[in-house]
Protein backbone atom coordinates (compact mmCIF):
# COMPACT_ATOMS: atom_id res chain seq x y z
CA MET A 1 -0.08 0.12 0.00
CA PHE A 2 2.67 2.57 1.06
CA ARG A 3 6.17 2.60 -0.30
CA GLU A 4 8.85 2.69 2.28
CA GLU A 5 11.44 5.52 1.66
CA VAL A 6 14.70 4.87 3.28
CA PHE A 7 17.11 7.47 2.01
CA TYR A 8 18.11 9.34 5.02
CA ASP A 9 21.45 7.58 5.09
CA ASN A 10 22.32 8.36 1.56
CA TYR A 11 21.12 11.89 2.07
CA THR A 12 23.41 12.34 5.09
CA GLU A 13 26.31 10.81 3.38
CA GLU A 14 25.93 13.07 0.39
CA ILE A 15 25.79 16.18 2.54
CA ILE A 16 28.80 15.09 4.66
CA SER A 17 30.90 13.75 1.71
CA PRO A 18 32.79 16.90 0.99
CA TRP A 19 34.13 16.83 4.55
CA TRP A 20 37.59 17.41 3.31
CA LEU A 21 36.51 20.65 1.77
CA TYR A 22 35.17 21.89 5.10
CA LEU A 23 38.57 20.81 6.66
CA LEU A 24 40.43 22.68 4.08
CA LEU A 25 38.46 25.86 4.69
CA GLY A 26 38.91 25.69 8.35
CA LEU A 27 42.69 25.08 8.00
CA ASN A 28 42.87 27.97 5.44
CA LEU A 29 41.23 30.35 7.85
CA VAL A 30 43.55 29.36 10.70
CA LEU A 31 46.48 29.89 8.40
CA LEU A 32 45.17 33.33 7.41
CA ALA A 33 44.96 34.28 10.97
CA LEU A 34 48.52 33.25 11.76
CA LEU A 35 49.87 35.07 8.69
CA ILE A 36 47.96 38.21 9.54
CA VAL A 37 49.54 38.24 13.03
CA MET A 38 53.03 37.53 11.70
CA PHE A 39 52.98 39.93 8.68
CA PRO A 40 50.57 42.75 9.49
CA PRO A 41 51.71 44.91 6.49
CA LEU A 42 50.36 42.28 3.97
CA VAL A 43 46.95 42.01 5.31
CA ALA A 44 45.13 43.26 2.12
CA TYR A 45 47.10 40.75 -0.08
CA LEU A 46 46.68 37.80 2.29
CA ILE A 47 42.90 38.46 2.68
CA ALA A 48 42.41 38.71 -1.06
CA GLY A 49 44.37 35.61 -1.77
CA PHE A 50 42.42 33.64 0.85
CA LEU A 51 38.99 34.92 -0.14
CA LEU A 52 39.73 33.81 -3.72
CA PHE A 53 40.73 30.36 -2.60
CA ASP A 54 37.67 30.15 -0.24
CA GLY A 55 35.30 31.37 -2.84
CA ALA A 56 36.44 28.71 -5.23
CA VAL A 57 36.15 26.04 -2.58
CA PHE A 58 32.42 27.20 -1.83
CA LEU A 59 31.53 27.11 -5.42
CA LEU A 60 32.78 23.55 -5.48
CA ILE A 61 30.64 22.66 -2.52
CA ALA A 62 27.73 24.49 -4.02
CA TYR A 63 27.97 22.47 -7.33
CA ARG A 64 28.16 19.14 -5.54
CA LEU A 65 24.92 20.16 -3.59
CA TRP A 66 23.16 21.31 -6.79
CA ARG A 67 24.12 17.95 -8.42
CA PHE A 68 22.75 15.98 -5.43
CA LYS A 69 19.49 18.00 -5.50
CA LYS A 70 19.14 17.22 -9.14
CA ARG A 71 19.69 13.45 -8.48
CA TYR A 72 17.35 13.45 -5.55
CA GLN A 73 14.53 15.04 -7.62
CA GLN A 74 15.05 12.49 -10.34
CA TRP A 75 14.79 9.72 -7.66
CA ARG A 76 11.65 11.08 -6.23
CA ALA A 77 10.04 11.27 -9.73
CA SER A 78 10.98 7.76 -10.50
CA TRP A 79 9.85 6.18 -7.08
CA LEU A 80 6.93 8.32 -6.13
CA ARG A 81 4.97 7.93 -9.31
CA PRO A 82 1.21 6.92 -8.63
CA ALA A 83 0.53 3.42 -9.09
CA ALA A 84 -1.55 2.68 -12.21
């Protein structure tokens, strides 16, 4: 009568899968803070470089999530069709 939907494990795994990207962002910010303390005259250049890098990583994360959303919508469309 009802279709059982067990997808939360896959959903969680897909959201967490870019864990290394989050780690990279965190390490990047810690390194930026240390470099700013060590080299105060270079603050503008350091911030600009790190913002460019972090922006690229966030774009990669956004692309992965967009791809996941598209696959999830296709999955829902194929499994939740009304029975004939």
